[in-house]
Amino acid sequence: MIKVLAVLKRKDDITREQFISYWRETHIPMVKTLPGLRKFVCNVVVDDFVQSNYPAVDRYDGCSELYFDDLASADAAFNSAQGKLNGEDALNFIGQRLFLATETVDITDLQGV
């Protein structure tokens, strides 16, 4: 399993509310149509928590997780016609950083850690 993580920061000319609305109502429905996508998770930053507890940390607005069977599937998805449309649409509301990861640790019992 390959996970594509996208760390999202809104464009300077849109509000946080506009960012979240566009992400949820316009972009996410497009993402869900990527070929080979097995799972999608949308994570919206809890702004008040970050601002009060980590004021020196760069401010981001969200993170998305896209799961594929393997690297070839992820590559095919992002190079597909739909993947290219999604990439173009992302420019409407975010400055985006992507990276690939494999999820190898599943901590289900924190008492034993």
C-alpha atoms as a PDB file:
ATOM      1  CA  MET A   1       0.000   0.000   0.000  1.00  0.00           C
ATOM      2  CA  ILE A   2       1.256   3.473  -0.924  1.00  0.00           C
ATOM      3  CA  LYS A   3      -0.030   6.635   0.689  1.00  0.00           C
ATOM      4  CA  VAL A   4       0.272   9.996  -1.030  1.00  0.00           C
ATOM      5  CA  LEU A   5       0.261  12.795   1.509  1.00  0.00           C
ATOM      6  CA  ALA A   6      -0.520  16.345   0.475  1.00  0.00           C
ATOM      7  CA  VAL A   7       0.178  19.105   2.984  1.00  0.00           C
ATOM      8  CA  LEU A   8      -2.138  21.969   2.130  1.00  0.00           C
ATOM      9  CA  LYS A   9      -1.793  25.683   2.678  1.00  0.00           C
ATOM     10  CA  ARG A  10      -4.349  28.027   1.208  1.00  0.00           C
ATOM     11  CA  LYS A  11      -3.447  30.682  -1.315  1.00  0.00           C
ATOM     12  CA  ASP A  12      -2.821  34.095   0.198  1.00  0.00           C
ATOM     13  CA  ASP A  13      -5.819  35.692  -1.496  1.00  0.00           C
ATOM     14  CA  ILE A  14      -8.514  33.398  -0.030  1.00  0.00           C
ATOM     15  CA  THR A  15      -9.856  33.049   3.482  1.00  0.00           C
ATOM     16  CA  ARG A  16      -9.681  29.890   5.545  1.00  0.00           C
ATOM     17  CA  GLU A  17     -13.441  29.453   5.135  1.00  0.00           C
ATOM     18  CA  GLN A  18     -13.186  29.809   1.347  1.00  0.00           C
ATOM     19  CA  PHE A  19     -10.340  27.282   1.304  1.00  0.00           C
ATOM     20  CA  ILE A  20     -12.270  24.678   3.310  1.00  0.00           C
ATOM     21  CA  SER A  21     -15.434  25.212   1.285  1.00  0.00           C
ATOM     22  CA  TYR A  22     -13.646  24.875  -2.076  1.00  0.00           C
ATOM     23  CA  TRP A  23     -11.667  21.868  -0.883  1.00  0.00           C
ATOM     24  CA  ARG A  24     -14.718  19.991   0.374  1.00  0.00           C
ATOM     25  CA  GLU A  25     -17.300  21.010  -2.229  1.00  0.00           C
ATOM     26  CA  THR A  26     -15.237  21.199  -5.432  1.00  0.00           C
ATOM     27  CA  HIS A  27     -11.851  19.504  -5.156  1.00  0.00           C
ATOM     28  CA  ILE A  28     -12.555  16.428  -3.038  1.00  0.00           C
ATOM     29  CA  PRO A  29     -15.347  15.164  -5.339  1.00  0.00           C
ATOM     30  CA  MET A  30     -12.801  15.334  -8.169  1.00  0.00           C
ATOM     31  CA  VAL A  31     -10.133  13.504  -6.139  1.00  0.00           C
ATOM     32  CA  LYS A  32     -12.535  10.670  -5.371  1.00  0.00           C
ATOM     33  CA  THR A  33     -12.707   9.871  -9.094  1.00  0.00           C
ATOM     34  CA  LEU A  34      -8.974   9.129  -9.446  1.00  0.00           C
ATOM     35  CA  PRO A  35      -8.477   5.705 -10.996  1.00  0.00           C
ATOM     36  CA  GLY A  36      -7.111   3.143  -8.547  1.00  0.00           C
ATOM     37  CA  LEU A  37      -7.811   5.224  -5.429  1.00  0.00           C
ATOM     38  CA  ARG A  38      -8.486   2.827  -2.521  1.00  0.00           C
ATOM     39  CA  LYS A  39      -9.027   5.272   0.348  1.00  0.00           C
ATOM     40  CA  PHE A  40      -9.133   9.023   0.837  1.00  0.00           C
ATOM     41  CA  VAL A  41      -8.844  10.966   4.101  1.00  0.00           C
ATOM     42  CA  CYS A  42      -9.383  14.720   4.467  1.00  0.00           C
ATOM     43  CA  ASN A  43      -7.752  16.305   7.541  1.00  0.00           C
ATOM     44  CA  VAL A  44      -8.647  19.919   8.372  1.00  0.00           C
ATOM     45  CA  VAL A  45      -6.240  21.622  10.778  1.00  0.00           C
ATOM     46  CA  VAL A  46      -7.799  22.656  14.084  1.00  0.00           C
ATOM     47  CA  ASP A  47      -6.639  26.247  13.753  1.00  0.00           C
ATOM     48  CA  ASP A  48      -7.203  27.377  17.341  1.00  0.00           C
ATOM     49  CA  PHE A  49      -5.166  24.459  18.717  1.00  0.00           C
ATOM     50  CA  VAL A  50      -2.225  25.077  16.407  1.00  0.00           C
ATOM     51  CA  GLN A  51      -2.216  28.823  16.948  1.00  0.00           C
ATOM     52  CA  SER A  52      -2.358  28.630  20.759  1.00  0.00           C
ATOM     53  CA  ASN A  53      -0.036  25.646  21.295  1.00  0.00           C
ATOM     54  CA  TYR A  54       2.461  25.997  18.439  1.00  0.00           C
ATOM     55  CA  PRO A  55       2.738  29.682  17.466  1.00  0.00           C
ATOM     56  CA  ALA A  56       6.218  29.287  15.912  1.00  0.00           C
ATOM     57  CA  VAL A  57       5.169  26.446  13.589  1.00  0.00           C
ATOM     58  CA  ASP A  58       4.339  27.152   9.949  1.00  0.00           C
ATOM     59  CA  ARG A  59       0.599  27.431   9.504  1.00  0.00           C
ATOM     60  CA  TYR A  60      -1.106  24.888   7.246  1.00  0.00           C
ATOM     61  CA  ASP A  61      -4.784  24.400   6.581  1.00  0.00           C
ATOM     62  CA  GLY A  62      -5.052  20.678   6.004  1.00  0.00           C
ATOM     63  CA  CYS A  63      -3.580  17.417   4.875  1.00  0.00           C
ATOM     64  CA  SER A  64      -5.015  14.801   2.574  1.00  0.00           C
ATOM     65  CA  GLU A  65      -4.166  11.109   2.394  1.00  0.00           C
ATOM     66  CA  LEU A  66      -4.681   9.177  -0.822  1.00  0.00           C
ATOM     67  CA  TYR A  67      -4.115   5.412  -0.706  1.00  0.00           C
ATOM     68  CA  PHE A  68      -3.191   3.233  -3.688  1.00  0.00           C
ATOM     69  CA  ASP A  69      -2.236  -0.422  -4.032  1.00  0.00           C
ATOM     70  CA  ASP A  70       1.301   0.392  -5.125  1.00  0.00           C
ATOM     71  CA  LEU A  71       3.541   3.056  -6.613  1.00  0.00           C
ATOM     72  CA  ALA A  72       2.560   2.132 -10.171  1.00  0.00           C
ATOM     73  CA  SER A  73      -1.132   2.685  -9.325  1.00  0.00           C
ATOM     74  CA  ALA A  74      -0.416   6.075  -7.751  1.00  0.00           C
ATOM     75  CA  ASP A  75       1.696   7.096 -10.730  1.00  0.00           C
ATOM     76  CA  ALA A  76      -1.010   6.017 -13.173  1.00  0.00           C
ATOM     77  CA  ALA A  77      -3.652   7.936 -11.216  1.00  0.00           C
ATOM     78  CA  PHE A  78      -1.716  11.194 -11.160  1.00  0.00           C
ATOM     79  CA  ASN A  79      -0.772  10.867 -14.834  1.00  0.00           C
ATOM     80  CA  SER A  80      -4.326  10.080 -15.918  1.00  0.00           C
ATOM     81  CA  ALA A  81      -6.589  12.708 -17.479  1.00  0.00           C
ATOM     82  CA  GLN A  82      -8.441  13.010 -14.157  1.00  0.00           C
ATOM     83  CA  GLY A  83      -5.175  13.304 -12.240  1.00  0.00           C
ATOM     84  CA  LYS A  84      -4.058  16.159 -14.469  1.00  0.00           C
ATOM     85  CA  LEU A  85      -7.405  17.926 -14.009  1.00  0.00           C
ATOM     86  CA  ASN A  86      -7.052  17.555 -10.241  1.00  0.00           C
ATOM     87  CA  GLY A  87      -3.557  19.028 -10.371  1.00  0.00           C
ATOM     88  CA  GLU A  88      -4.787  22.004 -12.368  1.00  0.00           C
ATOM     89  CA  ASP A  89      -7.722  22.518  -9.989  1.00  0.00           C
ATOM     90  CA  ALA A  90      -5.398  22.445  -6.965  1.00  0.00           C
ATOM     91  CA  LEU A  91      -3.794  25.636  -8.259  1.00  0.00           C
ATOM     92  CA  ASN A  92      -7.130  27.410  -7.716  1.00  0.00           C
ATOM     93  CA  PHE A  93      -6.918  27.255  -3.930  1.00  0.00           C
ATOM     94  CA  ILE A  94      -3.674  25.773  -2.571  1.00  0.00           C
ATOM     95  CA  GLY A  95       0.072  25.787  -2.583  1.00  0.00           C
ATOM     96  CA  GLN A  96       0.682  22.055  -2.247  1.00  0.00           C
ATOM     97  CA  ARG A  97       3.451  19.728  -1.156  1.00  0.00           C
ATOM     98  CA  LEU A  98       3.171  16.039  -2.008  1.00  0.00           C
ATOM     99  CA  PHE A  99       5.158  13.071  -0.828  1.00  0.00           C
ATOM    100  CA  LEU A 100       4.808   9.298  -0.975  1.00  0.00           C
ATOM    101  CA  ALA A 101       4.977   7.015   2.022  1.00  0.00           C
ATOM    102  CA  THR A 102       4.319   3.439   2.939  1.00  0.00           C
ATOM    103  CA  GLU A 103       2.403   2.925   6.147  1.00  0.00           C
ATOM    104  CA  THR A 104       4.350   0.291   8.032  1.00  0.00           C
ATOM    105  CA  VAL A 105       3.424   0.850  11.702  1.00  0.00           C
ATOM    106  CA  ASP A 106      -0.041   0.484  13.148  1.00  0.00           C
ATOM    107  CA  ILE A 107      -0.103   1.406  16.822  1.00  0.00           C
ATOM    108  CA  THR A 108      -3.344   0.103  18.247  1.00  0.00           C
ATOM    109  CA  ASP A 109      -2.295  -0.233  21.887  1.00  0.00           C
ATOM    110  CA  LEU A 110      -0.446   2.806  23.187  1.00  0.00           C
ATOM    111  CA  GLN A 111      -0.102   1.219  26.638  1.00  0.00           C
ATOM    112  CA  GLY A 112       2.609  -1.084  25.325  1.00  0.00           C
ATOM    113  CA  VAL A 113       4.675   1.686  23.703  1.00  0.00           C
END
